[in-house]
Amino acid sequence: MDTGTFRGLMTLILIFAFIGIALWAYSKRRKPDFDEAANLPFADDDELPTSDKHASLERDSEAHSRKEGR
């Protein structure tokens, strides 16, 4: 087997792998999973209070200084 034949076979294998992944990704069975993943940025998570009191004090002082500047 020479180098050209080997490269041709590898190209053929990679084309089939690409087609297989594309069919898997766009199959109807995957649609609910992708719809859920697409809506993750819009999920309403409750913010947990931070345990770092210094960071929360810093945020409060910044908000207070913004209100005074108006």
PDB file of N, CA and C in Angstrom:
ATOM      1  N   MET A   1       0.862  -1.169   0.000  1.00  0.00           N
ATOM      2  CA  MET A   1       0.000   0.000   0.000  1.00  0.00           C
ATOM      3  C   MET A   1       0.907   1.231   0.000  1.00  0.00           C
ATOM      4  N   ASP A   2       0.732   2.066  -0.999  1.00  0.00           N
ATOM      5  CA  ASP A   2       1.562   3.266  -1.057  1.00  0.00           C
ATOM      6  C   ASP A   2       0.884   4.426  -0.334  1.00  0.00           C
ATOM      7  N   THR A   3       1.561   5.548  -0.237  1.00  0.00           N
ATOM      8  CA  THR A   3       1.086   6.708   0.518  1.00  0.00           C
ATOM      9  C   THR A   3      -0.195   7.286  -0.069  1.00  0.00           C
ATOM     10  N   GLY A   4      -0.310   7.315  -1.377  1.00  0.00           N
ATOM     11  CA  GLY A   4      -1.501   7.864  -2.025  1.00  0.00           C
ATOM     12  C   GLY A   4      -2.750   7.065  -1.695  1.00  0.00           C
ATOM     13  N   THR A   5      -2.637   5.748  -1.698  1.00  0.00           N
ATOM     14  CA  THR A   5      -3.773   4.888  -1.362  1.00  0.00           C
ATOM     15  C   THR A   5      -4.166   5.081   0.098  1.00  0.00           C
ATOM     16  N   PHE A   6      -3.161   5.152   0.977  1.00  0.00           N
ATOM     17  CA  PHE A   6      -3.429   5.359   2.394  1.00  0.00           C
ATOM     18  C   PHE A   6      -4.148   6.687   2.629  1.00  0.00           C
ATOM     19  N   ARG A   7      -3.682   7.737   1.991  1.00  0.00           N
ATOM     20  CA  ARG A   7      -4.326   9.050   2.136  1.00  0.00           C
ATOM     21  C   ARG A   7      -5.749   9.035   1.591  1.00  0.00           C
ATOM     22  N   GLY A   8      -5.966   8.339   0.497  1.00  0.00           N
ATOM     23  CA  GLY A   8      -7.307   8.229  -0.073  1.00  0.00           C
ATOM     24  C   GLY A   8      -8.257   7.497   0.861  1.00  0.00           C
ATOM     25  N   LEU A   9      -7.791   6.401   1.465  1.00  0.00           N
ATOM     26  CA  LEU A   9      -8.622   5.661   2.418  1.00  0.00           C
ATOM     27  C   LEU A   9      -8.920   6.496   3.660  1.00  0.00           C
ATOM     28  N   MET A  10      -7.932   7.217   4.149  1.00  0.00           N
ATOM     29  CA  MET A  10      -8.156   8.072   5.321  1.00  0.00           C
ATOM     30  C   MET A  10      -9.168   9.178   4.996  1.00  0.00           C
ATOM     31  N   THR A  11      -9.084   9.730   3.795  1.00  0.00           N
ATOM     32  CA  THR A  11     -10.043  10.749   3.382  1.00  0.00           C
ATOM     33  C   THR A  11     -11.449  10.172   3.331  1.00  0.00           C
ATOM     34  N   LEU A  12     -11.587   8.983   2.798  1.00  0.00           N
ATOM     35  CA  LEU A  12     -12.890   8.320   2.715  1.00  0.00           C
ATOM     36  C   LEU A  12     -13.451   8.030   4.113  1.00  0.00           C
ATOM     37  N   ILE A  13     -12.610   7.561   5.012  1.00  0.00           N
ATOM     38  CA  ILE A  13     -13.045   7.297   6.385  1.00  0.00           C
ATOM     39  C   ILE A  13     -13.493   8.586   7.069  1.00  0.00           C
ATOM     40  N   LEU A  14     -12.744   9.659   6.887  1.00  0.00           N
ATOM     41  CA  LEU A  14     -13.099  10.937   7.514  1.00  0.00           C
ATOM     42  C   LEU A  14     -14.380  11.528   6.928  1.00  0.00           C
ATOM     43  N   ILE A  15     -14.611  11.329   5.641  1.00  0.00           N
ATOM     44  CA  ILE A  15     -15.863  11.802   5.029  1.00  0.00           C
ATOM     45  C   ILE A  15     -17.053  11.064   5.638  1.00  0.00           C
ATOM     46  N   PHE A  16     -16.923   9.732   5.789  1.00  0.00           N
ATOM     47  CA  PHE A  16     -18.006   8.956   6.404  1.00  0.00           C
ATOM     48  C   PHE A  16     -18.215   9.362   7.869  1.00  0.00           C
ATOM     49  N   ALA A  17     -17.139   9.636   8.579  1.00  0.00           N
ATOM     50  CA  ALA A  17     -17.262  10.073   9.971  1.00  0.00           C
ATOM     51  C   ALA A  17     -17.974  11.425  10.043  1.00  0.00           C
ATOM     52  N   PHE A  18     -17.632  12.346   9.153  1.00  0.00           N
ATOM     53  CA  PHE A  18     -18.281  13.652   9.130  1.00  0.00           C
ATOM     54  C   PHE A  18     -19.773  13.511   8.836  1.00  0.00           C
ATOM     55  N   ILE A  19     -20.111  12.705   7.860  1.00  0.00           N
ATOM     56  CA  ILE A  19     -21.523  12.501   7.502  1.00  0.00           C
ATOM     57  C   ILE A  19     -22.268  11.859   8.675  1.00  0.00           C
ATOM     58  N   GLY A  20     -21.642  10.904   9.344  1.00  0.00           N
ATOM     59  CA  GLY A  20     -22.266  10.255  10.494  1.00  0.00           C
ATOM     60  C   GLY A  20     -22.520  11.226  11.632  1.00  0.00           C
ATOM     61  N   ILE A  21     -21.552  12.078  11.927  1.00  0.00           N
ATOM     62  CA  ILE A  21     -21.723  13.072  12.998  1.00  0.00           C
ATOM     63  C   ILE A  21     -22.794  14.087  12.617  1.00  0.00           C
ATOM     64  N   ALA A  22     -22.815  14.515  11.365  1.00  0.00           N
ATOM     65  CA  ALA A  22     -23.826  15.475  10.922  1.00  0.00           C
ATOM     66  C   ALA A  22     -25.225  14.874  11.014  1.00  0.00           C
ATOM     67  N   LEU A  23     -25.385  13.622  10.611  1.00  0.00           N
ATOM     68  CA  LEU A  23     -26.690  12.966  10.716  1.00  0.00           C
ATOM     69  C   LEU A  23     -27.108  12.795  12.174  1.00  0.00           C
ATOM     70  N   TRP A  24     -26.153  12.448  13.028  1.00  0.00           N
ATOM     71  CA  TRP A  24     -26.453  12.291  14.448  1.00  0.00           C
ATOM     72  C   TRP A  24     -26.877  13.627  15.061  1.00  0.00           C
ATOM     73  N   ALA A  25     -26.159  14.701  14.724  1.00  0.00           N
ATOM     74  CA  ALA A  25     -26.443  16.008  15.311  1.00  0.00           C
ATOM     75  C   ALA A  25     -27.782  16.566  14.851  1.00  0.00           C
ATOM     76  N   TYR A  26     -28.166  16.297  13.611  1.00  0.00           N
ATOM     77  CA  TYR A  26     -29.400  16.855  13.074  1.00  0.00           C
ATOM     78  C   TYR A  26     -30.572  15.865  13.105  1.00  0.00           C
ATOM     79  N   SER A  27     -30.419  14.758  13.836  1.00  0.00           N
ATOM     80  CA  SER A  27     -31.520  13.796  13.908  1.00  0.00           C
ATOM     81  C   SER A  27     -32.642  14.356  14.779  1.00  0.00           C
ATOM     82  N   LYS A  28     -33.838  13.881  14.566  1.00  0.00           N
ATOM     83  CA  LYS A  28     -35.009  14.365  15.308  1.00  0.00           C
ATOM     84  C   LYS A  28     -34.949  13.971  16.776  1.00  0.00           C
ATOM     85  N   ARG A  29     -34.247  12.907  17.097  1.00  0.00           N
ATOM     86  CA  ARG A  29     -34.124  12.493  18.502  1.00  0.00           C
ATOM     87  C   ARG A  29     -33.328  13.495  19.322  1.00  0.00           C
ATOM     88  N   ARG A  30     -32.426  14.235  18.691  1.00  0.00           N
ATOM     89  CA  ARG A  30     -31.565  15.185  19.402  1.00  0.00           C
ATOM     90  C   ARG A  30     -32.222  16.558  19.583  1.00  0.00           C
ATOM     91  N   LYS A  31     -33.294  16.836  18.865  1.00  0.00           N
ATOM     92  CA  LYS A  31     -33.919  18.161  18.885  1.00  0.00           C
ATOM     93  C   LYS A  31     -34.325  18.620  20.288  1.00  0.00           C
ATOM     94  N   PRO A  32     -34.970  17.794  21.109  1.00  0.00           N
ATOM     95  CA  PRO A  32     -35.328  18.273  22.460  1.00  0.00           C
ATOM     96  C   PRO A  32     -34.104  18.649  23.299  1.00  0.00           C
ATOM     97  N   ASP A  33     -33.030  17.893  23.164  1.00  0.00           N
ATOM     98  CA  ASP A  33     -31.811  18.222  23.911  1.00  0.00           C
ATOM     99  C   ASP A  33     -31.226  19.552  23.460  1.00  0.00           C
ATOM    100  N   PHE A  34     -31.204  19.773  22.148  1.00  0.00           N
ATOM    101  CA  PHE A  34     -30.657  21.025  21.637  1.00  0.00           C
ATOM    102  C   PHE A  34     -31.564  22.212  21.974  1.00  0.00           C
ATOM    103  N   ASP A  35     -32.872  22.008  21.966  1.00  0.00           N
ATOM    104  CA  ASP A  35     -33.787  23.083  22.355  1.00  0.00           C
ATOM    105  C   ASP A  35     -33.571  23.475  23.812  1.00  0.00           C
ATOM    106  N   GLU A  36     -33.379  22.481  24.670  1.00  0.00           N
ATOM    107  CA  GLU A  36     -33.127  22.768  26.082  1.00  0.00           C
ATOM    108  C   GLU A  36     -31.800  23.503  26.259  1.00  0.00           C
ATOM    109  N   ALA A  37     -30.774  23.067  25.550  1.00  0.00           N
ATOM    110  CA  ALA A  37     -29.472  23.718  25.641  1.00  0.00           C
ATOM    111  C   ALA A  37     -29.517  25.144  25.085  1.00  0.00           C
ATOM    112  N   ALA A  38     -30.337  25.375  24.078  1.00  0.00           N
ATOM    113  CA  ALA A  38     -30.442  26.710  23.495  1.00  0.00           C
ATOM    114  C   ALA A  38     -31.102  27.688  24.454  1.00  0.00           C
ATOM    115  N   ASN A  39     -31.955  27.195  25.347  1.00  0.00           N
ATOM    116  CA  ASN A  39     -32.648  28.075  26.287  1.00  0.00           C
ATOM    117  C   ASN A  39     -31.919  28.243  27.617  1.00  0.00           C
ATOM    118  N   LEU A  40     -30.780  27.592  27.794  1.00  0.00           N
ATOM    119  CA  LEU A  40     -30.046  27.712  29.047  1.00  0.00           C
ATOM    120  C   LEU A  40     -29.635  29.151  29.386  1.00  0.00           C
ATOM    121  N   PRO A  41     -29.212  29.977  28.429  1.00  0.00           N
ATOM    122  CA  PRO A  41     -28.850  31.344  28.804  1.00  0.00           C
ATOM    123  C   PRO A  41     -30.020  32.147  29.357  1.00  0.00           C
ATOM    124  N   PHE A  42     -31.231  31.739  29.066  1.00  0.00           N
ATOM    125  CA  PHE A  42     -32.405  32.476  29.513  1.00  0.00           C
ATOM    126  C   PHE A  42     -33.014  31.894  30.783  1.00  0.00           C
ATOM    127  N   ALA A  43     -32.373  30.866  31.338  1.00  0.00           N
ATOM    128  CA  ALA A  43     -32.892  30.235  32.554  1.00  0.00           C
ATOM    129  C   ALA A  43     -32.815  31.229  33.704  1.00  0.00           C
ATOM    130  N   ASP A  44     -33.836  31.245  34.527  1.00  0.00           N
ATOM    131  CA  ASP A  44     -33.901  32.185  35.634  1.00  0.00           C
ATOM    132  C   ASP A  44     -33.381  31.503  36.889  1.00  0.00           C
ATOM    133  N   ASP A  45     -32.113  31.716  37.174  1.00  0.00           N
ATOM    134  CA  ASP A  45     -31.526  31.146  38.377  1.00  0.00           C
ATOM    135  C   ASP A  45     -31.569  32.189  39.486  1.00  0.00           C
ATOM    136  N   ASP A  46     -31.952  31.743  40.661  1.00  0.00           N
ATOM    137  CA  ASP A  46     -31.926  32.642  41.803  1.00  0.00           C
ATOM    138  C   ASP A  46     -30.480  32.835  42.227  1.00  0.00           C
ATOM    139  N   GLU A  47     -30.114  34.094  42.453  1.00  0.00           N
ATOM    140  CA  GLU A  47     -28.760  34.364  42.899  1.00  0.00           C
ATOM    141  C   GLU A  47     -28.627  33.993  44.360  1.00  0.00           C
ATOM    142  N   LEU A  48     -27.603  33.239  44.649  1.00  0.00           N
ATOM    143  CA  LEU A  48     -27.345  32.890  46.023  1.00  0.00           C
ATOM    144  C   LEU A  48     -26.548  34.013  46.674  1.00  0.00           C
ATOM    145  N   PRO A  49     -26.828  34.346  47.917  1.00  0.00           N
ATOM    146  CA  PRO A  49     -26.054  35.396  48.559  1.00  0.00           C
ATOM    147  C   PRO A  49     -24.596  34.973  48.668  1.00  0.00           C
ATOM    148  N   THR A  50     -23.733  35.911  48.444  1.00  0.00           N
ATOM    149  CA  THR A  50     -22.312  35.616  48.475  1.00  0.00           C
ATOM    150  C   THR A  50     -21.837  35.493  49.919  1.00  0.00           C
ATOM    151  N   SER A  51     -20.880  34.618  50.125  1.00  0.00           N
ATOM    152  CA  SER A  51     -20.335  34.458  51.474  1.00  0.00           C
ATOM    153  C   SER A  51     -19.206  35.448  51.712  1.00  0.00           C
ATOM    154  N   ASP A  52     -18.786  36.136  50.671  1.00  0.00           N
ATOM    155  CA  ASP A  52     -17.716  37.117  50.783  1.00  0.00           C
ATOM    156  C   ASP A  52     -18.323  38.472  51.132  1.00  0.00           C
ATOM    157  N   LYS A  53     -18.257  38.848  52.380  1.00  0.00           N
ATOM    158  CA  LYS A  53     -18.886  40.086  52.832  1.00  0.00           C
ATOM    159  C   LYS A  53     -18.193  41.301  52.250  1.00  0.00           C
ATOM    160  N   HIS A  54     -16.891  41.216  52.013  1.00  0.00           N
ATOM    161  CA  HIS A  54     -16.167  42.349  51.445  1.00  0.00           C
ATOM    162  C   HIS A  54     -16.672  42.663  50.036  1.00  0.00           C
ATOM    163  N   ALA A  55     -16.913  41.623  49.237  1.00  0.00           N
ATOM    164  CA  ALA A  55     -17.403  41.836  47.867  1.00  0.00           C
ATOM    165  C   ALA A  55     -18.798  42.440  47.886  1.00  0.00           C
ATOM    166  N   SER A  56     -19.656  41.988  48.801  1.00  0.00           N
ATOM    167  CA  SER A  56     -21.011  42.531  48.842  1.00  0.00           C
ATOM    168  C   SER A  56     -20.999  43.963  49.352  1.00  0.00           C
ATOM    169  N   LEU A  57     -20.119  44.306  50.276  1.00  0.00           N
ATOM    170  CA  LEU A  57     -20.005  45.687  50.751  1.00  0.00           C
ATOM    171  C   LEU A  57     -19.492  46.597  49.646  1.00  0.00           C
ATOM    172  N   GLU A  58     -18.555  46.086  48.863  1.00  0.00           N
ATOM    173  CA  GLU A  58     -18.017  46.867  47.749  1.00  0.00           C
ATOM    174  C   GLU A  58     -19.114  47.175  46.733  1.00  0.00           C
ATOM    175  N   ARG A  59     -19.940  46.182  46.417  1.00  0.00           N
ATOM    176  CA  ARG A  59     -21.036  46.377  45.468  1.00  0.00           C
ATOM    177  C   ARG A  59     -22.038  47.397  45.991  1.00  0.00           C
ATOM    178  N   ASP A  60     -22.354  47.315  47.298  1.00  0.00           N
ATOM    179  CA  ASP A  60     -23.307  48.249  47.888  1.00  0.00           C
ATOM    180  C   ASP A  60     -22.780  49.676  47.845  1.00  0.00           C
ATOM    181  N   SER A  61     -21.485  49.863  48.116  1.00  0.00           N
ATOM    182  CA  SER A  61     -20.929  51.209  48.103  1.00  0.00           C
ATOM    183  C   SER A  61     -20.905  51.782  46.686  1.00  0.00           C
ATOM    184  N   GLU A  62     -20.636  50.912  45.685  1.00  0.00           N
ATOM    185  CA  GLU A  62     -20.656  51.378  44.292  1.00  0.00           C
ATOM    186  C   GLU A  62     -22.069  51.808  43.897  1.00  0.00           C
ATOM    187  N   ALA A  63     -23.067  51.048  44.290  1.00  0.00           N
ATOM    188  CA  ALA A  63     -24.442  51.387  43.971  1.00  0.00           C
ATOM    189  C   ALA A  63     -24.836  52.678  44.676  1.00  0.00           C
ATOM    190  N   HIS A  64     -24.389  52.860  45.900  1.00  0.00           N
ATOM    191  CA  HIS A  64     -24.703  54.076  46.644  1.00  0.00           C
ATOM    192  C   HIS A  64     -24.048  55.286  46.002  1.00  0.00           C
ATOM    193  N   SER A  65     -22.792  55.143  45.551  1.00  0.00           N
ATOM    194  CA  SER A  65     -22.109  56.278  44.926  1.00  0.00           C
ATOM    195  C   SER A  65     -22.730  56.608  43.567  1.00  0.00           C
ATOM    196  N   ARG A  66     -23.265  55.649  42.876  1.00  0.00           N
ATOM    197  CA  ARG A  66     -23.936  55.932  41.608  1.00  0.00           C
ATOM    198  C   ARG A  66     -25.222  56.729  41.848  1.00  0.00           C
ATOM    199  N   LYS A  67     -25.933  56.394  42.915  1.00  0.00           N
ATOM    200  CA  LYS A  67     -27.172  57.108  43.213  1.00  0.00           C
ATOM    201  C   LYS A  67     -26.875  58.545  43.608  1.00  0.00           C
ATOM    202  N   GLU A  68     -25.789  58.779  44.331  1.00  0.00           N
ATOM    203  CA  GLU A  68     -25.441  60.136  44.761  1.00  0.00           C
ATOM    204  C   GLU A  68     -25.006  60.982  43.586  1.00  0.00           C
ATOM    205  N   GLY A  69     -24.405  60.361  42.584  1.00  0.00           N
ATOM    206  CA  GLY A  69     -23.890  61.102  41.426  1.00  0.00           C
ATOM    207  C   GLY A  69     -25.003  61.661  40.548  1.00  0.00           C
ATOM    208  N   ARG A  70     -26.188  61.177  40.665  1.00  0.00           N
ATOM    209  CA  ARG A  70     -27.291  61.611  39.804  1.00  0.00           C
ATOM    210  C   ARG A  70     -27.857  62.895  40.239  1.00  0.00           C
TER     211      ARG A  70
END
